[in-house]
Amino acid sequence: MPADPLFSTLRISTIVLCMVTAARSDYETLHVRDSHWVKWAVPASLLLASELVTNNSGLENIFMVAALVSAFSICFVKPPDPRKAREWSRIDASVFSLFIMGALGLVGGALSYSDTNFVDLVLGDESTEVTLWWSLLGALLTIAFFLSAWAVGLIQGGADVKALALVTLVFPSWAFIPDQMYPLGEEAIFRVPPAMAMFLWAGAVFLIAPPVILLRNAYLGNIGEISDLKMAWHATKKPVSELEEGKSWVLTEVSEKDGKERVVNRILPSKQSISQGITPNQKERLNSLGIESVWVASKHPFLVYLFLAIFPLLLFGDPIAPFFR
């Protein structure tokens, strides 16, 4: 099933606007409201359902949209307990109805497509409806994977998981993404789901940041001695007079040892720096020791890298596809 140009444009516009807004919020405040993800999940799910209805994709596949939305809702609320139905709010009742429709999509698809030839499925020779249902099932498992990774601590940021789950709702499979301009795995027999590919691209961008920061520090002359290399790969120097409260993590601190004050450069920010940033008292202590500039680390949440990963995802596709040719 080739990607529909109109729906693809709307889908890409939706995820770009959603992610750029979330990335900005996370960068400036280190927080993204749950209402942001819920709000953007509405057009994402409507676009997916509308496209499936327009293409006459079958009730099983249409109900699978409800299964994806149900899985996405677990990021925010616990699945309603039927034993406490009398205590449900409207939201609980709505979520439960989504779970019921999603279950119908799962059971109906399992009964209808249980005799699928998986060789034909992998090679793309199965019917559109069969391929679509298995793709949506894969998307459901992808969301389940992200939720599980969050639960066990493999992915720390709740906003990151919600973003990846929403990306899965927007791009359940590669069939919903236009052909890449420079595909890495044009003849690949297997590709990871789009949201997983986006996660890998974000990780790659995240790994590129340290050498870029190191080169920038070298260019600006911030590396004056060997010991500066410990800081130069992840932080930059900034005059004490230009530091603003809460805008960055200050890694240069004044500590006392044997009754004497000394300057210490930390690899990771202290809890006080994370919560408060630089305080007037810290500025005064640094100035009293003649410290004119300090090492600071900018707040670059992983969500920012997830936003940037949208572009290589659309241009190149799956980063590990070349290994499955």
C-alpha atoms as a PDB file:
ATOM      1  CA  MET A   1       0.000   0.000   0.000  1.00  0.00           C
ATOM      2  CA  PRO A   2       1.794   3.166  -1.169  1.00  0.00           C
ATOM      3  CA  ALA A   3       1.606   6.191   1.080  1.00  0.00           C
ATOM      4  CA  ASP A   4      -1.193   8.584   0.150  1.00  0.00           C
ATOM      5  CA  PRO A   5       0.331  12.003  -0.735  1.00  0.00           C
ATOM      6  CA  LEU A   6      -2.356  14.045   1.043  1.00  0.00           C
ATOM      7  CA  PHE A   7      -2.420  11.965   4.203  1.00  0.00           C
ATOM      8  CA  SER A   8       1.379  11.762   4.211  1.00  0.00           C
ATOM      9  CA  THR A   9       1.684  15.542   4.066  1.00  0.00           C
ATOM     10  CA  LEU A  10      -0.813  15.984   6.886  1.00  0.00           C
ATOM     11  CA  ARG A  11       0.832  13.227   8.909  1.00  0.00           C
ATOM     12  CA  ILE A  12       4.352  14.645   8.563  1.00  0.00           C
ATOM     13  CA  SER A  13       3.121  18.165   9.327  1.00  0.00           C
ATOM     14  CA  THR A  14       1.383  16.881  12.438  1.00  0.00           C
ATOM     15  CA  ILE A  15       4.400  15.097  13.873  1.00  0.00           C
ATOM     16  CA  VAL A  16       6.803  17.945  13.039  1.00  0.00           C
ATOM     17  CA  LEU A  17       4.601  20.555  14.720  1.00  0.00           C
ATOM     18  CA  CYS A  18       4.008  18.285  17.694  1.00  0.00           C
ATOM     19  CA  MET A  19       7.669  17.430  18.179  1.00  0.00           C
ATOM     20  CA  VAL A  20       9.075  20.917  17.670  1.00  0.00           C
ATOM     21  CA  THR A  21       6.660  22.287  20.272  1.00  0.00           C
ATOM     22  CA  ALA A  22       7.487  19.490  22.707  1.00  0.00           C
ATOM     23  CA  ALA A  23      11.237  19.816  22.125  1.00  0.00           C
ATOM     24  CA  ARG A  24      11.100  23.543  22.783  1.00  0.00           C
ATOM     25  CA  SER A  25       9.135  23.021  25.982  1.00  0.00           C
ATOM     26  CA  ASP A  26      11.495  20.294  27.200  1.00  0.00           C
ATOM     27  CA  TYR A  27      14.551  22.389  26.318  1.00  0.00           C
ATOM     28  CA  GLU A  28      13.319  25.492  28.114  1.00  0.00           C
ATOM     29  CA  THR A  29      11.553  23.953  31.107  1.00  0.00           C
ATOM     30  CA  LEU A  30      12.673  20.288  31.161  1.00  0.00           C
ATOM     31  CA  HIS A  31       8.987  19.392  31.145  1.00  0.00           C
ATOM     32  CA  VAL A  32       6.249  18.597  28.628  1.00  0.00           C
ATOM     33  CA  ARG A  33       2.652  18.547  29.806  1.00  0.00           C
ATOM     34  CA  ASP A  34       0.679  15.357  29.280  1.00  0.00           C
ATOM     35  CA  SER A  35      -2.047  17.451  27.683  1.00  0.00           C
ATOM     36  CA  HIS A  36       0.350  18.213  24.835  1.00  0.00           C
ATOM     37  CA  TRP A  37       0.623  14.563  23.812  1.00  0.00           C
ATOM     38  CA  VAL A  38      -3.088  13.914  24.293  1.00  0.00           C
ATOM     39  CA  LYS A  39      -3.968  16.929  22.166  1.00  0.00           C
ATOM     40  CA  TRP A  40      -1.759  15.832  19.280  1.00  0.00           C
ATOM     41  CA  ALA A  41      -2.889  12.214  19.525  1.00  0.00           C
ATOM     42  CA  VAL A  42      -6.345  13.317  18.353  1.00  0.00           C
ATOM     43  CA  PRO A  43      -5.347  14.423  14.822  1.00  0.00           C
ATOM     44  CA  ALA A  44      -2.846  11.562  14.603  1.00  0.00           C
ATOM     45  CA  SER A  45      -5.478   8.900  15.304  1.00  0.00           C
ATOM     46  CA  LEU A  46      -8.099  10.629  13.146  1.00  0.00           C
ATOM     47  CA  LEU A  47      -5.690  10.761  10.211  1.00  0.00           C
ATOM     48  CA  LEU A  48      -4.881   7.081  10.548  1.00  0.00           C
ATOM     49  CA  ALA A  49      -8.516   6.034  10.903  1.00  0.00           C
ATOM     50  CA  SER A  50      -9.615   8.285   8.032  1.00  0.00           C
ATOM     51  CA  GLU A  51      -7.005   6.851   5.699  1.00  0.00           C
ATOM     52  CA  LEU A  52      -7.994   3.284   6.538  1.00  0.00           C
ATOM     53  CA  VAL A  53     -11.678   4.066   6.026  1.00  0.00           C
ATOM     54  CA  THR A  54     -10.952   5.827   2.736  1.00  0.00           C
ATOM     55  CA  ASN A  55      -8.976   2.822   1.491  1.00  0.00           C
ATOM     56  CA  ASN A  56     -11.661   0.317   2.613  1.00  0.00           C
ATOM     57  CA  SER A  57      -9.078  -1.492   4.712  1.00  0.00           C
ATOM     58  CA  GLY A  58     -11.595  -3.618   6.613  1.00  0.00           C
ATOM     59  CA  LEU A  59     -13.111  -3.391  10.079  1.00  0.00           C
ATOM     60  CA  GLU A  60     -10.315  -5.396  11.664  1.00  0.00           C
ATOM     61  CA  ASN A  61      -7.744  -2.819  10.608  1.00  0.00           C
ATOM     62  CA  ILE A  62      -9.936   0.141  11.513  1.00  0.00           C
ATOM     63  CA  PHE A  63     -10.483  -1.284  14.986  1.00  0.00           C
ATOM     64  CA  MET A  64      -6.722  -1.766  15.285  1.00  0.00           C
ATOM     65  CA  VAL A  65      -6.438   2.022  15.410  1.00  0.00           C
ATOM     66  CA  ALA A  66      -8.362   1.831  18.684  1.00  0.00           C
ATOM     67  CA  ALA A  67      -5.860  -0.767  19.897  1.00  0.00           C
ATOM     68  CA  LEU A  68      -2.986   1.623  19.180  1.00  0.00           C
ATOM     69  CA  VAL A  69      -4.750   4.515  20.913  1.00  0.00           C
ATOM     70  CA  SER A  70      -5.490   2.237  23.880  1.00  0.00           C
ATOM     71  CA  ALA A  71      -1.830   1.331  24.180  1.00  0.00           C
ATOM     72  CA  PHE A  72      -0.898   5.005  23.894  1.00  0.00           C
ATOM     73  CA  SER A  73      -3.333   5.869  26.700  1.00  0.00           C
ATOM     74  CA  ILE A  74      -1.371   3.653  29.108  1.00  0.00           C
ATOM     75  CA  CYS A  75       1.263   6.412  29.120  1.00  0.00           C
ATOM     76  CA  PHE A  76      -1.200   8.556  31.062  1.00  0.00           C
ATOM     77  CA  VAL A  77      -3.833   6.410  32.790  1.00  0.00           C
ATOM     78  CA  LYS A  78      -4.129   2.870  34.052  1.00  0.00           C
ATOM     79  CA  PRO A  79      -6.489   0.580  32.112  1.00  0.00           C
ATOM     80  CA  PRO A  80      -9.943   0.854  33.737  1.00  0.00           C
ATOM     81  CA  ASP A  81     -10.896  -1.978  36.081  1.00  0.00           C
ATOM     82  CA  PRO A  82     -14.282  -3.454  35.000  1.00  0.00           C
ATOM     83  CA  ARG A  83     -14.955  -4.425  38.623  1.00  0.00           C
ATOM     84  CA  LYS A  84     -15.096  -0.725  39.492  1.00  0.00           C
ATOM     85  CA  ALA A  85     -17.278   0.308  36.562  1.00  0.00           C
ATOM     86  CA  ARG A  86     -19.669   2.235  38.794  1.00  0.00           C
ATOM     87  CA  GLU A  87     -16.828   4.480  39.886  1.00  0.00           C
ATOM     88  CA  TRP A  88     -15.619   5.256  36.379  1.00  0.00           C
ATOM     89  CA  SER A  89     -15.334   8.781  35.096  1.00  0.00           C
ATOM     90  CA  ARG A  90     -16.136   9.697  31.509  1.00  0.00           C
ATOM     91  CA  ILE A  91     -12.476   9.327  30.652  1.00  0.00           C
ATOM     92  CA  ASP A  92     -12.394   5.816  32.122  1.00  0.00           C
ATOM     93  CA  ALA A  93     -15.481   4.832  30.127  1.00  0.00           C
ATOM     94  CA  SER A  94     -13.994   6.257  26.934  1.00  0.00           C
ATOM     95  CA  VAL A  95     -10.687   4.472  27.442  1.00  0.00           C
ATOM     96  CA  PHE A  96     -12.472   1.200  28.186  1.00  0.00           C
ATOM     97  CA  SER A  97     -14.494   1.503  24.975  1.00  0.00           C
ATOM     98  CA  LEU A  98     -11.234   1.954  23.078  1.00  0.00           C
ATOM     99  CA  PHE A  99      -9.866  -1.194  24.689  1.00  0.00           C
ATOM    100  CA  ILE A 100     -12.995  -3.108  23.632  1.00  0.00           C
ATOM    101  CA  MET A 101     -12.739  -1.908  20.028  1.00  0.00           C
ATOM    102  CA  GLY A 102      -9.032  -2.651  20.027  1.00  0.00           C
ATOM    103  CA  ALA A 103      -9.713  -6.165  21.300  1.00  0.00           C
ATOM    104  CA  LEU A 104     -12.206  -6.655  18.473  1.00  0.00           C
ATOM    105  CA  GLY A 105      -9.536  -5.614  15.999  1.00  0.00           C
ATOM    106  CA  LEU A 106      -7.026  -8.025  17.506  1.00  0.00           C
ATOM    107  CA  VAL A 107      -9.376 -10.991  17.752  1.00  0.00           C
ATOM    108  CA  GLY A 108     -11.050 -10.327  14.418  1.00  0.00           C
ATOM    109  CA  GLY A 109      -7.728  -9.984  12.646  1.00  0.00           C
ATOM    110  CA  ALA A 110      -6.318 -13.081  14.318  1.00  0.00           C
ATOM    111  CA  LEU A 111      -9.308 -15.117  13.140  1.00  0.00           C
ATOM    112  CA  SER A 112      -9.313 -13.668   9.631  1.00  0.00           C
ATOM    113  CA  TYR A 113      -5.583 -13.746   8.987  1.00  0.00           C
ATOM    114  CA  SER A 114      -4.458 -16.743  11.042  1.00  0.00           C
ATOM    115  CA  ASP A 115      -3.511 -18.678   7.902  1.00  0.00           C
ATOM    116  CA  THR A 116      -1.118 -16.002   6.663  1.00  0.00           C
ATOM    117  CA  ASN A 117       1.858 -17.195   4.655  1.00  0.00           C
ATOM    118  CA  PHE A 118       4.668 -15.399   6.467  1.00  0.00           C
ATOM    119  CA  VAL A 119       7.127 -15.835   3.617  1.00  0.00           C
ATOM    120  CA  ASP A 120       4.728 -14.005   1.319  1.00  0.00           C
ATOM    121  CA  LEU A 121       4.126 -11.460   4.079  1.00  0.00           C
ATOM    122  CA  VAL A 122       7.830 -10.649   4.390  1.00  0.00           C
ATOM    123  CA  LEU A 123       8.266 -10.526   0.617  1.00  0.00           C
ATOM    124  CA  GLY A 124       5.254  -8.223   0.263  1.00  0.00           C
ATOM    125  CA  ASP A 125       3.166 -10.684  -1.734  1.00  0.00           C
ATOM    126  CA  GLU A 126       0.240 -10.875   0.697  1.00  0.00           C
ATOM    127  CA  SER A 127      -2.941  -8.848   0.240  1.00  0.00           C
ATOM    128  CA  THR A 128      -3.059  -5.235   1.391  1.00  0.00           C
ATOM    129  CA  GLU A 129      -5.488  -5.980   4.243  1.00  0.00           C
ATOM    130  CA  VAL A 130      -3.395  -8.848   5.588  1.00  0.00           C
ATOM    131  CA  THR A 131      -0.141  -6.886   5.387  1.00  0.00           C
ATOM    132  CA  LEU A 132      -1.764  -3.879   7.015  1.00  0.00           C
ATOM    133  CA  TRP A 133      -3.149  -5.851   9.950  1.00  0.00           C
ATOM    134  CA  TRP A 134       0.196  -7.462  10.702  1.00  0.00           C
ATOM    135  CA  SER A 135       1.872  -4.057  10.376  1.00  0.00           C
ATOM    136  CA  LEU A 136      -0.551  -2.549  12.877  1.00  0.00           C
ATOM    137  CA  LEU A 137       0.057  -5.491  15.196  1.00  0.00           C
ATOM    138  CA  GLY A 138       3.769  -4.762  14.908  1.00  0.00           C
ATOM    139  CA  ALA A 139       3.070  -1.123  15.782  1.00  0.00           C
ATOM    140  CA  LEU A 140       1.136  -2.255  18.847  1.00  0.00           C
ATOM    141  CA  LEU A 141       4.066  -4.405  19.951  1.00  0.00           C
ATOM    142  CA  THR A 142       6.391  -1.455  19.350  1.00  0.00           C
ATOM    143  CA  ILE A 143       4.404   0.725  21.752  1.00  0.00           C
ATOM    144  CA  ALA A 144       4.390  -2.153  24.239  1.00  0.00           C
ATOM    145  CA  PHE A 145       8.179  -2.360  23.935  1.00  0.00           C
ATOM    146  CA  PHE A 146       8.608   1.356  24.674  1.00  0.00           C
ATOM    147  CA  LEU A 147       6.246   1.148  27.646  1.00  0.00           C
ATOM    148  CA  SER A 148       8.141  -1.869  28.997  1.00  0.00           C
ATOM    149  CA  ALA A 149      11.493  -0.127  28.513  1.00  0.00           C
ATOM    150  CA  TRP A 150      10.129   2.835  30.452  1.00  0.00           C
ATOM    151  CA  ALA A 151       8.791   0.604  33.217  1.00  0.00           C
ATOM    152  CA  VAL A 152      12.140  -1.119  33.797  1.00  0.00           C
ATOM    153  CA  GLY A 153      14.167   2.078  33.439  1.00  0.00           C
ATOM    154  CA  LEU A 154      15.855   1.444  30.090  1.00  0.00           C
ATOM    155  CA  ILE A 155      14.279   4.681  28.861  1.00  0.00           C
ATOM    156  CA  GLN A 156      14.283   7.257  31.635  1.00  0.00           C
ATOM    157  CA  GLY A 157      12.267  10.124  30.208  1.00  0.00           C
ATOM    158  CA  GLY A 158       8.500   9.819  30.257  1.00  0.00           C
ATOM    159  CA  ALA A 159       8.249  12.478  27.564  1.00  0.00           C
ATOM    160  CA  ASP A 160      10.581  10.435  25.348  1.00  0.00           C
ATOM    161  CA  VAL A 161       8.360   7.364  25.624  1.00  0.00           C
ATOM    162  CA  LYS A 162       5.201   9.363  24.970  1.00  0.00           C
ATOM    163  CA  ALA A 163       6.836  10.906  21.924  1.00  0.00           C
ATOM    164  CA  LEU A 164       7.891   7.516  20.564  1.00  0.00           C
ATOM    165  CA  ALA A 165       4.431   6.065  21.198  1.00  0.00           C
ATOM    166  CA  LEU A 166       2.865   8.996  19.365  1.00  0.00           C
ATOM    167  CA  VAL A 167       5.292   8.570  16.474  1.00  0.00           C
ATOM    168  CA  THR A 168       4.153   4.941  16.278  1.00  0.00           C
ATOM    169  CA  LEU A 169       0.563   6.143  16.099  1.00  0.00           C
ATOM    170  CA  VAL A 170       1.467   8.567  13.313  1.00  0.00           C
ATOM    171  CA  PHE A 171       3.715   6.131  11.421  1.00  0.00           C
ATOM    172  CA  PRO A 172       2.544   2.589  12.289  1.00  0.00           C
ATOM    173  CA  SER A 173       4.643   1.160   9.467  1.00  0.00           C
ATOM    174  CA  TRP A 174       6.780   2.240   6.538  1.00  0.00           C
ATOM    175  CA  ALA A 175       3.710   2.040   4.302  1.00  0.00           C
ATOM    176  CA  PHE A 176       2.541   5.310   5.865  1.00  0.00           C
ATOM    177  CA  ILE A 177       5.775   7.149   5.055  1.00  0.00           C
ATOM    178  CA  PRO A 178       6.628   8.431   1.556  1.00  0.00           C
ATOM    179  CA  ASP A 179       9.530   6.756  -0.213  1.00  0.00           C
ATOM    180  CA  GLN A 180      12.812   8.091   1.105  1.00  0.00           C
ATOM    181  CA  MET A 181      14.919  10.284  -1.161  1.00  0.00           C
ATOM    182  CA  TYR A 182      18.124   8.465  -0.218  1.00  0.00           C
ATOM    183  CA  PRO A 183      17.063   5.055   1.131  1.00  0.00           C
ATOM    184  CA  LEU A 184      19.741   3.143   2.993  1.00  0.00           C
ATOM    185  CA  GLY A 185      18.093  -0.236   2.619  1.00  0.00           C
ATOM    186  CA  GLU A 186      16.228  -0.206  -0.660  1.00  0.00           C
ATOM    187  CA  GLU A 187      16.518  -3.976  -1.051  1.00  0.00           C
ATOM    188  CA  ALA A 188      16.351  -4.865   2.632  1.00  0.00           C
ATOM    189  CA  ILE A 189      14.103  -7.788   3.535  1.00  0.00           C
ATOM    190  CA  PHE A 190      13.559  -6.411   7.017  1.00  0.00           C
ATOM    191  CA  ARG A 191      13.265  -2.944   8.529  1.00  0.00           C
ATOM    192  CA  VAL A 192      12.676  -1.985  12.132  1.00  0.00           C
ATOM    193  CA  PRO A 193       9.452  -0.021  12.794  1.00  0.00           C
ATOM    194  CA  PRO A 194       9.646   3.711  11.999  1.00  0.00           C
ATOM    195  CA  ALA A 195       9.509   4.779  15.657  1.00  0.00           C
ATOM    196  CA  MET A 196      12.368   2.412  16.482  1.00  0.00           C
ATOM    197  CA  ALA A 197      14.346   3.764  13.527  1.00  0.00           C
ATOM    198  CA  MET A 198      13.700   7.291  14.772  1.00  0.00           C
ATOM    199  CA  PHE A 199      14.982   6.281  18.209  1.00  0.00           C
ATOM    200  CA  LEU A 200      18.171   4.933  16.607  1.00  0.00           C
ATOM    201  CA  TRP A 201      18.659   8.104  14.564  1.00  0.00           C
ATOM    202  CA  ALA A 202      18.201  10.206  17.700  1.00  0.00           C
ATOM    203  CA  GLY A 203      20.818   8.105  19.457  1.00  0.00           C
ATOM    204  CA  ALA A 204      23.201   8.623  16.544  1.00  0.00           C
ATOM    205  CA  VAL A 205      22.695  12.399  16.646  1.00  0.00           C
ATOM    206  CA  PHE A 206      23.218  12.278  20.410  1.00  0.00           C
ATOM    207  CA  LEU A 207      26.579  10.536  19.874  1.00  0.00           C
ATOM    208  CA  ILE A 208      27.676  13.142  17.333  1.00  0.00           C
ATOM    209  CA  ALA A 209      27.245  15.967  19.841  1.00  0.00           C
ATOM    210  CA  PRO A 210      30.413  15.347  21.964  1.00  0.00           C
ATOM    211  CA  PRO A 211      32.972  15.651  19.125  1.00  0.00           C
ATOM    212  CA  VAL A 212      31.163  18.743  17.823  1.00  0.00           C
ATOM    213  CA  ILE A 213      31.311  20.352  21.276  1.00  0.00           C
ATOM    214  CA  LEU A 214      34.994  19.388  21.594  1.00  0.00           C
ATOM    215  CA  LEU A 215      35.879  20.966  18.248  1.00  0.00           C
ATOM    216  CA  ARG A 216      33.943  24.097  19.141  1.00  0.00           C
ATOM    217  CA  ASN A 217      35.844  24.444  22.415  1.00  0.00           C
ATOM    218  CA  ALA A 218      39.138  23.974  20.592  1.00  0.00           C
ATOM    219  CA  TYR A 219      38.162  26.651  18.078  1.00  0.00           C
ATOM    220  CA  LEU A 220      37.159  29.084  20.838  1.00  0.00           C
ATOM    221  CA  GLY A 221      40.388  28.469  22.737  1.00  0.00           C
ATOM    222  CA  ASN A 222      38.685  26.941  25.766  1.00  0.00           C
ATOM    223  CA  ILE A 223      41.203  24.093  25.948  1.00  0.00           C
ATOM    224  CA  GLY A 224      44.249  25.568  27.630  1.00  0.00           C
ATOM    225  CA  GLU A 225      45.627  22.458  29.309  1.00  0.00           C
ATOM    226  CA  ILE A 226      45.222  18.688  29.281  1.00  0.00           C
ATOM    227  CA  SER A 227      42.831  18.721  32.244  1.00  0.00           C
ATOM    228  CA  ASP A 228      40.376  20.799  30.193  1.00  0.00           C
ATOM    229  CA  LEU A 229      39.768  17.803  27.928  1.00  0.00           C
ATOM    230  CA  LYS A 230      37.815  16.228  30.771  1.00  0.00           C
ATOM    231  CA  MET A 231      35.206  18.962  30.376  1.00  0.00           C
ATOM    232  CA  ALA A 232      35.559  20.071  26.762  1.00  0.00           C
ATOM    233  CA  TRP A 233      33.639  17.169  25.183  1.00  0.00           C
ATOM    234  CA  HIS A 234      30.342  17.928  26.913  1.00  0.00           C
ATOM    235  CA  ALA A 235      30.527  21.483  28.264  1.00  0.00           C
ATOM    236  CA  THR A 236      31.520  24.977  27.193  1.00  0.00           C
ATOM    237  CA  LYS A 237      33.113  27.882  29.008  1.00  0.00           C
ATOM    238  CA  LYS A 238      31.081  30.933  29.859  1.00  0.00           C
ATOM    239  CA  PRO A 239      31.917  34.149  31.731  1.00  0.00           C
ATOM    240  CA  VAL A 240      30.529  34.197  35.258  1.00  0.00           C
ATOM    241  CA  SER A 241      28.951  37.588  34.583  1.00  0.00           C
ATOM    242  CA  GLU A 242      26.838  36.119  31.765  1.00  0.00           C
ATOM    243  CA  LEU A 243      25.391  33.230  33.735  1.00  0.00           C
ATOM    244  CA  GLU A 244      21.642  33.324  34.210  1.00  0.00           C
ATOM    245  CA  GLU A 245      19.821  31.490  36.953  1.00  0.00           C
ATOM    246  CA  GLY A 246      18.323  28.194  35.801  1.00  0.00           C
ATOM    247  CA  LYS A 247      19.445  28.491  32.156  1.00  0.00           C
ATOM    248  CA  SER A 248      22.280  25.963  32.306  1.00  0.00           C
ATOM    249  CA  TRP A 249      24.003  23.470  34.556  1.00  0.00           C
ATOM    250  CA  VAL A 250      27.124  24.972  36.128  1.00  0.00           C
ATOM    251  CA  LEU A 251      29.853  22.346  36.423  1.00  0.00           C
ATOM    252  CA  THR A 252      32.483  24.584  38.026  1.00  0.00           C
ATOM    253  CA  GLU A 253      31.892  24.879  41.751  1.00  0.00           C
ATOM    254  CA  VAL A 254      33.663  26.095  44.858  1.00  0.00           C
ATOM    255  CA  SER A 255      34.155  23.508  47.596  1.00  0.00           C
ATOM    256  CA  GLU A 256      35.952  23.489  50.913  1.00  0.00           C
ATOM    257  CA  LYS A 257      38.663  21.032  51.953  1.00  0.00           C
ATOM    258  CA  ASP A 258      40.710  21.330  55.118  1.00  0.00           C
ATOM    259  CA  GLY A 259      39.230  24.773  55.653  1.00  0.00           C
ATOM    260  CA  LYS A 260      40.370  26.022  52.265  1.00  0.00           C
ATOM    261  CA  GLU A 261      38.225  26.874  49.277  1.00  0.00           C
ATOM    262  CA  ARG A 262      39.076  25.286  45.958  1.00  0.00           C
ATOM    263  CA  VAL A 263      37.603  25.215  42.467  1.00  0.00           C
ATOM    264  CA  VAL A 264      36.255  21.875  41.253  1.00  0.00           C
ATOM    265  CA  ASN A 265      35.075  20.973  37.744  1.00  0.00           C
ATOM    266  CA  ARG A 266      32.416  18.255  37.865  1.00  0.00           C
ATOM    267  CA  ILE A 267      31.587  15.840  35.046  1.00  0.00           C
ATOM    268  CA  LEU A 268      27.939  15.805  36.118  1.00  0.00           C
ATOM    269  CA  PRO A 269      26.022  18.720  37.646  1.00  0.00           C
ATOM    270  CA  SER A 270      25.206  18.687  41.333  1.00  0.00           C
ATOM    271  CA  LYS A 271      21.609  18.324  42.483  1.00  0.00           C
ATOM    272  CA  GLN A 272      21.575  21.997  43.432  1.00  0.00           C
ATOM    273  CA  SER A 273      22.746  23.020  39.971  1.00  0.00           C
ATOM    274  CA  ILE A 274      20.077  20.865  38.329  1.00  0.00           C
ATOM    275  CA  SER A 275      17.278  22.321  40.434  1.00  0.00           C
ATOM    276  CA  GLN A 276      18.421  25.938  40.850  1.00  0.00           C
ATOM    277  CA  GLY A 277      21.211  26.651  38.391  1.00  0.00           C
ATOM    278  CA  ILE A 278      23.701  29.329  39.448  1.00  0.00           C
ATOM    279  CA  THR A 279      22.820  31.294  42.574  1.00  0.00           C
ATOM    280  CA  PRO A 280      23.994  34.809  43.532  1.00  0.00           C
ATOM    281  CA  ASN A 281      26.002  33.314  46.413  1.00  0.00           C
ATOM    282  CA  GLN A 282      27.839  30.966  44.044  1.00  0.00           C
ATOM    283  CA  LYS A 283      28.611  33.850  41.706  1.00  0.00           C
ATOM    284  CA  GLU A 284      30.042  35.836  44.590  1.00  0.00           C
ATOM    285  CA  ARG A 285      32.255  32.952  45.725  1.00  0.00           C
ATOM    286  CA  LEU A 286      33.585  32.417  42.199  1.00  0.00           C
ATOM    287  CA  ASN A 287      34.328  36.120  41.793  1.00  0.00           C
ATOM    288  CA  SER A 288      36.098  36.210  45.155  1.00  0.00           C
ATOM    289  CA  LEU A 289      38.490  33.526  43.907  1.00  0.00           C
ATOM    290  CA  GLY A 290      39.167  35.425  40.708  1.00  0.00           C
ATOM    291  CA  ILE A 291      37.315  32.936  38.499  1.00  0.00           C
ATOM    292  CA  GLU A 292      36.172  34.796  35.388  1.00  0.00           C
ATOM    293  CA  SER A 293      34.706  31.886  33.404  1.00  0.00           C
ATOM    294  CA  VAL A 294      33.272  28.495  34.298  1.00  0.00           C
ATOM    295  CA  TRP A 295      32.335  25.275  32.557  1.00  0.00           C
ATOM    296  CA  VAL A 296      28.621  24.946  31.893  1.00  0.00           C
ATOM    297  CA  ALA A 297      26.538  22.235  30.232  1.00  0.00           C
ATOM    298  CA  SER A 298      23.502  23.275  28.266  1.00  0.00           C
ATOM    299  CA  LYS A 299      20.253  21.452  28.873  1.00  0.00           C
ATOM    300  CA  HIS A 300      19.758  19.267  25.796  1.00  0.00           C
ATOM    301  CA  PRO A 301      16.948  16.807  26.519  1.00  0.00           C
ATOM    302  CA  PHE A 302      16.805  13.655  24.406  1.00  0.00           C
ATOM    303  CA  LEU A 303      13.455  14.862  23.086  1.00  0.00           C
ATOM    304  CA  VAL A 304      15.347  17.514  21.119  1.00  0.00           C
ATOM    305  CA  TYR A 305      17.324  14.780  19.391  1.00  0.00           C
ATOM    306  CA  LEU A 306      14.126  12.847  18.713  1.00  0.00           C
ATOM    307  CA  PHE A 307      12.773  15.897  16.924  1.00  0.00           C
ATOM    308  CA  LEU A 308      15.948  16.213  14.845  1.00  0.00           C
ATOM    309  CA  ALA A 309      15.726  12.492  14.031  1.00  0.00           C
ATOM    310  CA  ILE A 310      12.540  13.078  12.032  1.00  0.00           C
ATOM    311  CA  PHE A 311      14.574  14.399   9.125  1.00  0.00           C
ATOM    312  CA  PRO A 312      17.015  11.489   8.618  1.00  0.00           C
ATOM    313  CA  LEU A 313      14.050   9.158   9.138  1.00  0.00           C
ATOM    314  CA  LEU A 314      12.232  10.741   6.199  1.00  0.00           C
ATOM    315  CA  LEU A 315      15.352  11.129   4.056  1.00  0.00           C
ATOM    316  CA  PHE A 316      17.160   7.837   4.668  1.00  0.00           C
ATOM    317  CA  GLY A 317      14.704   5.497   6.384  1.00  0.00           C
ATOM    318  CA  ASP A 318      15.937   2.703   8.629  1.00  0.00           C
ATOM    319  CA  PRO A 319      19.588   3.202   9.687  1.00  0.00           C
ATOM    320  CA  ILE A 320      20.213  -0.532  10.127  1.00  0.00           C
ATOM    321  CA  ALA A 321      18.386  -1.694   6.986  1.00  0.00           C
ATOM    322  CA  PRO A 322      21.665  -2.173   5.043  1.00  0.00           C
ATOM    323  CA  PHE A 323      22.487  -5.051   7.394  1.00  0.00           C
ATOM    324  CA  PHE A 324      19.381  -6.971   6.266  1.00  0.00           C
ATOM    325  CA  ARG A 325      19.858  -6.998   2.514  1.00  0.00           C
END
